[in-house]
């Protein structure tokens, strides 16, 4: 189970978030790994549709493997279960949430993740989100490329998640 992070306003977004839509906006992350994963997703995902899960095998994900998250969509509860939580993400965040539900994050940050993942599934949208790392071991911003994928009747999220160290309370994002 995820660590529990109590908050006072359950509906609040975490401080300092950005959500961008690479299929309809000119978006180019300045984080090298996020930029290359976004380029790959743009190539294999038709706009407004699910990407084919076959394009996201471990062999094809090798350049980003330590920063990959794969989440199973649970339509009956509209929640997501972390099937894969990259080793580099775990090391840099300080915890591993493999097999946990996104809703297990009992914080504004967890609510933000849930909203972004639901929107990606509902709109079949490629999403680039950035959020401050309020639960990380160090002051950072997390740059996340979220791609909805499908194999048969099963929908998933394949996301690539890179931290960048913050020097100030909230570094300007160069998007």
N, C-alpha and C. Protein backbone atom coordinates (compact mmCIF):
# COMPACT_ATOMS: atom_id res chain seq x y z
N UNK A 1 0.83 -1.18 0.00
CA UNK A 1 0.00 0.00 0.00
C UNK A 1 0.88 1.25 0.00
N UNK A 2 0.41 2.30 -0.66
CA UNK A 2 1.12 3.59 -0.73
C UNK A 2 1.22 4.21 0.65
N UNK A 3 2.23 5.02 0.84
CA UNK A 3 2.24 5.82 2.06
C UNK A 3 1.02 6.74 2.06
N UNK A 4 0.46 7.01 3.19
CA UNK A 4 -0.70 7.89 3.28
C UNK A 4 -0.24 9.30 3.66
N UNK A 5 -0.68 10.29 2.90
CA UNK A 5 -0.29 11.65 3.14
C UNK A 5 -1.55 12.47 3.39
N UNK A 6 -1.90 12.76 4.64
CA UNK A 6 -3.14 13.47 4.92
C UNK A 6 -3.10 14.89 4.38
N UNK A 7 -4.25 15.37 3.96
CA UNK A 7 -4.38 16.75 3.49
C UNK A 7 -5.61 17.36 4.11
N UNK A 8 -5.68 18.68 4.09
CA UNK A 8 -6.83 19.34 4.68
C UNK A 8 -7.95 19.53 3.66
N UNK A 9 -7.62 19.71 2.39
CA UNK A 9 -8.63 19.94 1.36
C UNK A 9 -8.56 18.82 0.34
N UNK A 10 -9.43 17.84 0.45
CA UNK A 10 -9.40 16.66 -0.40
C UNK A 10 -9.53 16.99 -1.88
N UNK A 11 -10.18 18.12 -2.23
CA UNK A 11 -10.39 18.45 -3.63
C UNK A 11 -9.32 19.38 -4.20
N UNK A 12 -8.35 19.77 -3.41
CA UNK A 12 -7.32 20.69 -3.88
C UNK A 12 -6.32 19.98 -4.77
N UNK A 13 -5.82 20.69 -5.77
CA UNK A 13 -4.71 20.18 -6.56
C UNK A 13 -3.44 20.37 -5.73
N UNK A 14 -2.44 19.54 -5.97
CA UNK A 14 -1.18 19.81 -5.29
C UNK A 14 -0.65 21.16 -5.78
N UNK A 15 0.16 21.79 -4.98
CA UNK A 15 0.74 23.05 -5.41
C UNK A 15 1.56 22.83 -6.67
N UNK A 16 1.56 23.82 -7.53
CA UNK A 16 2.44 23.84 -8.68
C UNK A 16 2.24 22.65 -9.62
N UNK A 17 1.22 22.72 -10.43
CA UNK A 17 0.98 21.68 -11.43
C UNK A 17 0.80 22.34 -12.79
N UNK A 18 1.10 21.57 -13.80
CA UNK A 18 0.84 21.97 -15.19
C UNK A 18 0.28 20.74 -15.90
N UNK A 19 -0.69 20.96 -16.76
CA UNK A 19 -1.20 19.89 -17.62
C UNK A 19 -1.20 20.43 -19.03
N UNK A 20 -0.56 19.71 -19.94
CA UNK A 20 -0.48 20.11 -21.34
C UNK A 20 -0.91 18.94 -22.21
N UNK A 21 -1.36 19.27 -23.41
CA UNK A 21 -1.94 18.27 -24.31
C UNK A 21 -1.14 18.22 -25.61
N UNK A 22 -0.16 17.34 -25.70
CA UNK A 22 0.74 17.30 -26.86
C UNK A 22 0.08 16.99 -28.19
N UNK A 23 -1.14 16.46 -28.19
CA UNK A 23 -1.81 16.18 -29.47
C UNK A 23 -2.47 17.43 -30.05
N UNK A 24 -2.70 18.45 -29.22
CA UNK A 24 -3.36 19.66 -29.71
C UNK A 24 -2.57 20.93 -29.40
N UNK A 25 -1.45 20.81 -28.67
CA UNK A 25 -0.62 21.96 -28.33
C UNK A 25 0.81 21.69 -28.76
N UNK A 26 1.54 22.74 -29.03
CA UNK A 26 2.96 22.61 -29.34
C UNK A 26 3.72 22.46 -28.03
N UNK A 27 4.03 21.23 -27.67
CA UNK A 27 4.65 20.91 -26.38
C UNK A 27 5.96 20.18 -26.65
N UNK A 28 7.03 20.65 -26.04
CA UNK A 28 8.32 19.97 -26.12
C UNK A 28 9.00 20.07 -24.77
N UNK A 29 8.96 18.99 -23.96
CA UNK A 29 9.63 19.02 -22.66
C UNK A 29 11.12 19.28 -22.82
N UNK A 30 11.70 19.98 -21.84
CA UNK A 30 13.14 20.20 -21.87
C UNK A 30 13.90 19.12 -21.10
N UNK A 31 13.19 18.12 -20.62
CA UNK A 31 13.79 16.96 -19.96
C UNK A 31 13.99 15.90 -21.04
N UNK A 32 15.25 15.55 -21.27
CA UNK A 32 15.60 14.70 -22.41
C UNK A 32 14.79 13.40 -22.48
N UNK A 33 14.71 12.65 -21.38
CA UNK A 33 13.98 11.38 -21.38
C UNK A 33 12.50 11.55 -21.64
N UNK A 34 11.90 12.58 -21.03
CA UNK A 34 10.47 12.85 -21.27
C UNK A 34 10.25 13.26 -22.72
N UNK A 35 11.17 14.07 -23.26
CA UNK A 35 11.03 14.52 -24.65
C UNK A 35 11.11 13.34 -25.62
N UNK A 36 12.03 12.42 -25.39
CA UNK A 36 12.16 11.28 -26.31
C UNK A 36 10.98 10.32 -26.18
N UNK A 37 10.45 10.14 -24.96
CA UNK A 37 9.28 9.28 -24.80
C UNK A 37 8.06 9.92 -25.46
N UNK A 38 7.90 11.23 -25.32
CA UNK A 38 6.80 11.93 -25.98
C UNK A 38 6.90 11.78 -27.49
N UNK A 39 8.10 11.92 -28.03
CA UNK A 39 8.30 11.75 -29.48
C UNK A 39 7.88 10.34 -29.91
N UNK A 40 8.27 9.34 -29.12
CA UNK A 40 7.90 7.95 -29.43
C UNK A 40 6.37 7.80 -29.39
N UNK A 41 5.72 8.32 -28.34
CA UNK A 41 4.26 8.19 -28.22
C UNK A 41 3.54 8.88 -29.38
N UNK A 42 4.02 10.04 -29.78
CA UNK A 42 3.40 10.74 -30.92
C UNK A 42 3.49 9.90 -32.19
N UNK A 43 4.55 9.13 -32.31
CA UNK A 43 4.73 8.30 -33.50
C UNK A 43 3.81 7.08 -33.50
N UNK A 44 3.53 6.48 -32.33
CA UNK A 44 2.78 5.22 -32.31
C UNK A 44 1.32 5.37 -31.87
N UNK A 45 0.93 6.54 -31.36
CA UNK A 45 -0.44 6.72 -30.88
C UNK A 45 -1.23 7.62 -31.83
N UNK A 46 -2.31 7.09 -32.40
CA UNK A 46 -3.16 7.96 -33.23
C UNK A 46 -3.86 9.00 -32.35
N UNK A 47 -3.92 10.22 -32.82
CA UNK A 47 -4.56 11.30 -32.05
C UNK A 47 -6.01 10.92 -31.73
N UNK A 48 -6.39 11.11 -30.47
CA UNK A 48 -7.76 10.84 -30.05
C UNK A 48 -8.12 9.37 -29.93
N UNK A 49 -7.15 8.51 -30.02
CA UNK A 49 -7.37 7.05 -29.92
C UNK A 49 -6.41 6.46 -28.89
N UNK A 50 -6.69 5.23 -28.49
CA UNK A 50 -5.74 4.50 -27.66
C UNK A 50 -4.56 4.07 -28.51
N UNK A 51 -3.39 4.04 -27.91
CA UNK A 51 -2.24 3.42 -28.56
C UNK A 51 -2.38 1.91 -28.41
N UNK A 52 -1.77 1.17 -29.30
CA UNK A 52 -1.75 -0.28 -29.22
C UNK A 52 -0.71 -0.70 -28.18
N UNK A 53 -1.14 -1.49 -27.21
CA UNK A 53 -0.25 -1.93 -26.13
C UNK A 53 0.98 -2.66 -26.68
N UNK A 54 0.85 -3.26 -27.85
CA UNK A 54 1.97 -3.96 -28.47
C UNK A 54 3.15 -3.05 -28.78
N UNK A 55 2.93 -1.76 -28.83
CA UNK A 55 4.00 -0.80 -29.06
C UNK A 55 4.73 -0.40 -27.78
N UNK A 56 4.38 -1.05 -26.67
CA UNK A 56 4.96 -0.68 -25.37
C UNK A 56 5.48 -1.92 -24.63
N UNK A 57 6.19 -2.76 -25.35
CA UNK A 57 6.79 -3.96 -24.76
C UNK A 57 8.07 -3.55 -24.01
N UNK A 58 8.56 -4.41 -23.10
CA UNK A 58 9.81 -4.08 -22.40
C UNK A 58 10.97 -3.78 -23.37
N UNK A 59 11.03 -4.50 -24.48
CA UNK A 59 12.11 -4.26 -25.45
C UNK A 59 12.00 -2.86 -26.05
N UNK A 60 10.79 -2.45 -26.39
CA UNK A 60 10.60 -1.13 -27.00
C UNK A 60 10.72 0.00 -25.98
N UNK A 61 10.47 -0.30 -24.71
CA UNK A 61 10.56 0.70 -23.65
C UNK A 61 11.96 0.81 -23.03
N UNK A 62 12.90 0.02 -23.52
CA UNK A 62 14.24 -0.05 -22.94
C UNK A 62 14.88 1.32 -22.70
N UNK A 63 14.78 2.30 -23.61
CA UNK A 63 15.46 3.59 -23.34
C UNK A 63 14.94 4.32 -22.09
N UNK A 64 13.73 3.98 -21.63
CA UNK A 64 13.10 4.70 -20.52
C UNK A 64 12.78 3.77 -19.34
N UNK A 65 13.21 2.54 -19.37
CA UNK A 65 12.68 1.48 -18.52
C UNK A 65 12.66 1.82 -17.03
N UNK A 66 13.66 2.45 -16.48
CA UNK A 66 13.67 2.76 -15.04
C UNK A 66 12.70 3.87 -14.65
N UNK A 67 12.17 4.56 -15.65
CA UNK A 67 11.26 5.68 -15.41
C UNK A 67 9.84 5.39 -15.90
N UNK A 68 9.57 4.14 -16.20
CA UNK A 68 8.25 3.75 -16.74
C UNK A 68 7.33 3.31 -15.61
N UNK A 69 6.06 3.72 -15.75
CA UNK A 69 4.99 3.21 -14.90
C UNK A 69 3.93 2.62 -15.84
N UNK A 70 3.41 1.47 -15.49
CA UNK A 70 2.29 0.89 -16.21
C UNK A 70 1.18 0.70 -15.20
N UNK A 71 0.03 1.27 -15.51
CA UNK A 71 -1.11 1.22 -14.59
C UNK A 71 -2.29 0.55 -15.28
N UNK A 72 -2.88 -0.42 -14.61
CA UNK A 72 -4.10 -1.08 -15.12
C UNK A 72 -5.30 -0.22 -14.76
N UNK A 73 -6.15 0.03 -15.73
CA UNK A 73 -7.39 0.77 -15.49
C UNK A 73 -8.44 -0.20 -14.96
N UNK A 74 -9.10 0.18 -13.86
CA UNK A 74 -10.15 -0.63 -13.24
C UNK A 74 -11.48 0.10 -13.46
N UNK A 75 -12.18 -0.19 -14.55
CA UNK A 75 -13.36 0.61 -14.93
C UNK A 75 -14.48 0.59 -13.90
N UNK A 76 -14.63 -0.48 -13.14
CA UNK A 76 -15.72 -0.55 -12.16
C UNK A 76 -15.56 0.46 -11.03
N UNK A 77 -14.32 0.85 -10.74
CA UNK A 77 -14.07 1.85 -9.69
C UNK A 77 -13.42 3.12 -10.23
N UNK A 78 -13.08 3.12 -11.53
CA UNK A 78 -12.37 4.24 -12.18
C UNK A 78 -11.06 4.56 -11.46
N UNK A 79 -10.44 3.53 -10.95
CA UNK A 79 -9.15 3.65 -10.28
C UNK A 79 -8.10 2.98 -11.16
N UNK A 80 -6.87 3.03 -10.73
CA UNK A 80 -5.75 2.45 -11.47
C UNK A 80 -4.86 1.73 -10.48
N UNK A 81 -4.34 0.57 -10.92
CA UNK A 81 -3.39 -0.19 -10.10
C UNK A 81 -2.03 -0.12 -10.77
N UNK A 82 -1.00 0.24 -9.98
CA UNK A 82 0.36 0.28 -10.48
C UNK A 82 0.84 -1.14 -10.72
N UNK A 83 0.94 -1.54 -11.98
CA UNK A 83 1.47 -2.86 -12.33
C UNK A 83 3.00 -2.80 -12.34
N UNK A 84 3.55 -1.72 -12.88
CA UNK A 84 4.99 -1.50 -12.92
C UNK A 84 5.26 -0.10 -12.39
N UNK A 85 6.24 0.02 -11.52
CA UNK A 85 6.67 1.32 -10.99
C UNK A 85 8.18 1.33 -11.11
N UNK A 86 8.70 2.08 -12.06
CA UNK A 86 10.11 2.06 -12.42
C UNK A 86 11.06 2.14 -11.24
N UNK A 87 12.15 1.42 -11.34
CA UNK A 87 13.12 1.37 -10.25
C UNK A 87 13.76 2.74 -9.99
N UNK A 88 13.98 3.52 -11.04
CA UNK A 88 14.56 4.85 -10.83
C UNK A 88 13.55 5.78 -10.17
N UNK A 89 12.28 5.64 -10.52
CA UNK A 89 11.23 6.45 -9.86
C UNK A 89 11.19 6.09 -8.38
N UNK A 90 11.19 4.80 -8.09
CA UNK A 90 11.15 4.33 -6.71
C UNK A 90 12.35 4.83 -5.92
N UNK A 91 13.51 4.73 -6.51
CA UNK A 91 14.74 5.16 -5.83
C UNK A 91 14.71 6.66 -5.55
N UNK A 92 14.25 7.44 -6.52
CA UNK A 92 14.29 8.89 -6.37
C UNK A 92 13.11 9.44 -5.57
N UNK A 93 11.99 8.69 -5.53
CA UNK A 93 10.85 9.16 -4.73
C UNK A 93 10.95 8.67 -3.28
N UNK A 94 11.61 7.53 -3.09
CA UNK A 94 11.75 6.99 -1.75
C UNK A 94 10.72 5.94 -1.40
N UNK A 95 9.88 5.54 -2.36
CA UNK A 95 8.91 4.48 -2.10
C UNK A 95 8.55 3.77 -3.39
N UNK A 96 8.02 2.56 -3.24
CA UNK A 96 7.58 1.74 -4.37
C UNK A 96 6.10 1.47 -4.19
N UNK A 97 5.31 1.82 -5.20
CA UNK A 97 3.86 1.64 -5.10
C UNK A 97 3.34 0.51 -5.99
N UNK A 98 4.24 -0.37 -6.46
CA UNK A 98 3.81 -1.49 -7.28
C UNK A 98 2.69 -2.25 -6.57
N UNK A 99 1.64 -2.55 -7.30
CA UNK A 99 0.43 -3.25 -6.84
C UNK A 99 -0.50 -2.40 -5.99
N UNK A 100 -0.16 -1.13 -5.75
CA UNK A 100 -1.05 -0.23 -5.01
C UNK A 100 -2.01 0.45 -5.98
N UNK A 101 -3.10 0.95 -5.43
CA UNK A 101 -4.04 1.75 -6.21
C UNK A 101 -3.62 3.21 -6.17
N UNK A 102 -3.92 3.94 -7.22
CA UNK A 102 -3.66 5.38 -7.21
C UNK A 102 -4.44 6.03 -6.08
N UNK A 103 -5.66 5.55 -5.82
CA UNK A 103 -6.47 6.12 -4.74
C UNK A 103 -5.86 5.90 -3.35
N UNK A 104 -4.86 5.00 -3.25
CA UNK A 104 -4.18 4.81 -1.97
C UNK A 104 -3.35 6.03 -1.58
N UNK A 105 -2.99 6.86 -2.55
CA UNK A 105 -2.34 8.14 -2.24
C UNK A 105 -3.43 9.03 -1.67
N UNK A 106 -3.48 9.17 -0.40
CA UNK A 106 -4.53 9.97 0.23
C UNK A 106 -4.02 11.40 0.41
N UNK A 107 -3.91 12.09 -0.75
CA UNK A 107 -3.40 13.46 -0.73
C UNK A 107 -3.88 14.18 -1.98
N UNK A 108 -3.68 15.47 -2.00
CA UNK A 108 -4.02 16.26 -3.19
C UNK A 108 -3.20 15.79 -4.39
N UNK A 109 -1.96 15.37 -4.16
CA UNK A 109 -1.14 14.87 -5.25
C UNK A 109 -1.75 13.60 -5.83
N UNK A 110 -2.18 12.67 -4.98
CA UNK A 110 -2.83 11.46 -5.47
C UNK A 110 -4.11 11.76 -6.23
N UNK A 111 -4.88 12.73 -5.76
CA UNK A 111 -6.09 13.14 -6.47
C UNK A 111 -5.75 13.72 -7.84
N UNK A 112 -4.66 14.47 -7.90
CA UNK A 112 -4.19 15.03 -9.17
C UNK A 112 -3.84 13.91 -10.14
N UNK A 113 -3.08 12.90 -9.68
CA UNK A 113 -2.73 11.77 -10.54
C UNK A 113 -3.98 11.08 -11.06
N UNK A 114 -4.93 10.83 -10.18
CA UNK A 114 -6.16 10.14 -10.56
C UNK A 114 -6.91 10.93 -11.64
N UNK A 115 -7.01 12.24 -11.47
CA UNK A 115 -7.69 13.06 -12.48
C UNK A 115 -6.98 13.02 -13.83
N UNK A 116 -5.65 13.10 -13.82
CA UNK A 116 -4.89 13.07 -15.07
C UNK A 116 -5.06 11.72 -15.76
N UNK A 117 -4.94 10.62 -15.02
CA UNK A 117 -5.06 9.29 -15.63
C UNK A 117 -6.48 9.05 -16.16
N UNK A 118 -7.49 9.48 -15.42
CA UNK A 118 -8.87 9.33 -15.89
C UNK A 118 -9.09 10.13 -17.17
N UNK A 119 -8.56 11.35 -17.20
CA UNK A 119 -8.73 12.17 -18.40
C UNK A 119 -8.05 11.53 -19.60
N UNK A 120 -6.86 10.95 -19.41
CA UNK A 120 -6.17 10.28 -20.50
C UNK A 120 -7.01 9.13 -21.05
N UNK A 121 -7.63 8.35 -20.17
CA UNK A 121 -8.48 7.23 -20.61
C UNK A 121 -9.76 7.76 -21.26
N UNK A 122 -10.45 8.68 -20.58
CA UNK A 122 -11.75 9.16 -21.07
C UNK A 122 -11.64 9.85 -22.43
N UNK A 123 -10.60 10.66 -22.61
CA UNK A 123 -10.43 11.42 -23.85
C UNK A 123 -9.47 10.76 -24.82
N UNK A 124 -8.91 9.63 -24.41
CA UNK A 124 -7.89 8.94 -25.22
C UNK A 124 -6.80 9.94 -25.61
N UNK A 125 -6.38 10.71 -24.60
CA UNK A 125 -5.46 11.82 -24.83
C UNK A 125 -4.07 11.54 -24.28
N UNK A 126 -3.10 11.93 -25.05
CA UNK A 126 -1.72 11.97 -24.60
C UNK A 126 -1.58 13.22 -23.74
N UNK A 127 -1.05 13.07 -22.53
CA UNK A 127 -0.96 14.20 -21.59
C UNK A 127 0.47 14.33 -21.08
N UNK A 128 0.91 15.58 -20.99
CA UNK A 128 2.18 15.91 -20.34
C UNK A 128 1.83 16.70 -19.10
N UNK A 129 2.16 16.14 -17.93
CA UNK A 129 1.88 16.85 -16.68
C UNK A 129 3.19 17.05 -15.92
N UNK A 130 3.20 18.13 -15.15
CA UNK A 130 4.33 18.43 -14.29
C UNK A 130 3.75 18.77 -12.93
N UNK A 131 4.32 18.17 -11.90
CA UNK A 131 3.88 18.51 -10.54
C UNK A 131 5.09 18.58 -9.62
N UNK A 132 4.95 19.40 -8.59
CA UNK A 132 6.02 19.48 -7.60
C UNK A 132 6.04 18.17 -6.81
N UNK A 133 7.23 17.73 -6.46
CA UNK A 133 7.40 16.45 -5.76
C UNK A 133 7.25 16.62 -4.26
N UNK A 134 6.04 16.77 -3.80
CA UNK A 134 5.82 17.00 -2.38
C UNK A 134 6.06 15.75 -1.53
N UNK A 135 6.10 14.57 -2.16
CA UNK A 135 6.33 13.34 -1.41
C UNK A 135 7.70 12.72 -1.72
N UNK A 136 8.55 13.45 -2.43
CA UNK A 136 9.83 12.90 -2.85
C UNK A 136 10.91 13.13 -1.79
N UNK A 137 12.02 12.42 -1.96
CA UNK A 137 13.14 12.54 -1.02
C UNK A 137 13.84 13.88 -1.16
N UNK A 138 13.71 14.54 -2.31
CA UNK A 138 14.36 15.83 -2.52
C UNK A 138 13.39 16.76 -3.24
N UNK A 139 13.68 18.05 -3.19
CA UNK A 139 12.84 19.04 -3.86
C UNK A 139 12.96 18.86 -5.36
N UNK A 140 11.87 18.46 -6.00
CA UNK A 140 11.92 18.20 -7.43
C UNK A 140 10.59 18.51 -8.09
N UNK A 141 10.64 18.56 -9.40
CA UNK A 141 9.44 18.60 -10.23
C UNK A 141 9.42 17.29 -11.01
N UNK A 142 8.27 16.65 -11.07
CA UNK A 142 8.12 15.41 -11.82
C UNK A 142 7.48 15.72 -13.16
N UNK A 143 8.14 15.31 -14.25
CA UNK A 143 7.67 15.50 -15.62
C UNK A 143 7.15 14.15 -16.11
N UNK A 144 5.85 14.09 -16.36
CA UNK A 144 5.19 12.81 -16.65
C UNK A 144 4.49 12.88 -18.01
N UNK A 145 4.85 11.93 -18.88
CA UNK A 145 4.16 11.74 -20.15
C UNK A 145 3.21 10.57 -19.94
N UNK A 146 1.92 10.79 -20.17
CA UNK A 146 0.88 9.80 -19.90
C UNK A 146 0.24 9.38 -21.22
N UNK A 147 0.33 8.10 -21.53
CA UNK A 147 -0.20 7.58 -22.79
C UNK A 147 -1.22 6.48 -22.51
N UNK A 148 -2.48 6.67 -22.95
CA UNK A 148 -3.48 5.61 -22.79
C UNK A 148 -3.28 4.53 -23.86
N UNK A 149 -3.28 3.28 -23.43
CA UNK A 149 -3.08 2.16 -24.35
C UNK A 149 -4.19 1.13 -24.16
N UNK A 150 -4.36 0.30 -25.18
CA UNK A 150 -5.38 -0.74 -25.12
C UNK A 150 -4.84 -2.00 -25.77
N UNK A 151 -5.23 -3.12 -25.15
CA UNK A 151 -5.00 -4.45 -25.74
C UNK A 151 -6.30 -5.21 -25.55
N UNK A 152 -7.03 -5.43 -26.63
CA UNK A 152 -8.34 -6.06 -26.51
C UNK A 152 -9.27 -5.17 -25.71
N UNK A 153 -9.88 -5.73 -24.67
CA UNK A 153 -10.79 -4.96 -23.81
C UNK A 153 -10.09 -4.30 -22.63
N UNK A 154 -8.78 -4.47 -22.53
CA UNK A 154 -8.04 -3.97 -21.38
C UNK A 154 -7.39 -2.62 -21.70
N UNK A 155 -7.70 -1.62 -20.88
CA UNK A 155 -7.07 -0.30 -21.01
C UNK A 155 -6.02 -0.13 -19.92
N UNK A 156 -4.95 0.53 -20.27
CA UNK A 156 -3.87 0.81 -19.34
C UNK A 156 -3.33 2.21 -19.60
N UNK A 157 -2.54 2.67 -18.66
CA UNK A 157 -1.75 3.88 -18.83
C UNK A 157 -0.30 3.43 -18.86
N UNK A 158 0.44 3.88 -19.85
CA UNK A 158 1.89 3.74 -19.83
C UNK A 158 2.41 5.16 -19.68
N UNK A 159 3.16 5.40 -18.63
CA UNK A 159 3.66 6.74 -18.34
C UNK A 159 5.16 6.69 -18.12
N UNK A 160 5.81 7.77 -18.49
CA UNK A 160 7.23 7.95 -18.27
C UNK A 160 7.36 9.14 -17.34
N UNK A 161 8.11 9.00 -16.26
CA UNK A 161 8.08 9.98 -15.17
C UNK A 161 9.51 10.34 -14.75
N UNK A 162 9.94 11.56 -15.06
CA UNK A 162 11.30 12.01 -14.76
C UNK A 162 11.30 13.14 -13.74
N UNK A 163 12.14 13.04 -12.70
CA UNK A 163 12.28 14.16 -11.76
C UNK A 163 13.39 15.11 -12.22
N UNK A 164 13.20 16.39 -11.92
CA UNK A 164 14.27 17.37 -12.10
C UNK A 164 14.41 18.11 -10.78
N UNK A 165 15.62 18.30 -10.36
CA UNK A 165 15.89 18.96 -9.08
C UNK A 165 15.48 20.43 -9.18
N UNK A 166 14.83 20.90 -8.13
CA UNK A 166 14.43 22.31 -8.06
C UNK A 166 15.49 23.10 -7.31
N UNK A 167 15.81 24.27 -7.81
CA UNK A 167 16.73 25.16 -7.12
C UNK A 167 15.95 26.19 -6.30
N UNK A 168 14.79 26.58 -6.79
CA UNK A 168 13.95 27.56 -6.11
C UNK A 168 12.65 26.88 -5.73
N UNK A 169 11.76 27.60 -5.02
CA UNK A 169 10.50 26.99 -4.59
C UNK A 169 9.75 26.38 -5.77
N UNK A 170 9.73 27.06 -6.91
CA UNK A 170 9.10 26.51 -8.12
C UNK A 170 9.83 27.07 -9.31
N UNK A 171 10.75 26.30 -9.86
CA UNK A 171 11.47 26.73 -11.04
C UNK A 171 10.50 26.97 -12.17
N UNK A 172 10.79 27.95 -12.99
CA UNK A 172 9.99 28.17 -14.19
C UNK A 172 10.13 26.94 -15.07
N UNK A 173 9.05 26.53 -15.68
CA UNK A 173 9.08 25.41 -16.59
C UNK A 173 9.34 25.92 -17.99
N UNK A 174 10.29 25.33 -18.65
CA UNK A 174 10.59 25.70 -20.03
C UNK A 174 9.95 24.65 -20.92
N UNK A 175 8.71 24.89 -21.31
CA UNK A 175 7.97 23.90 -22.10
C UNK A 175 7.97 24.26 -23.56
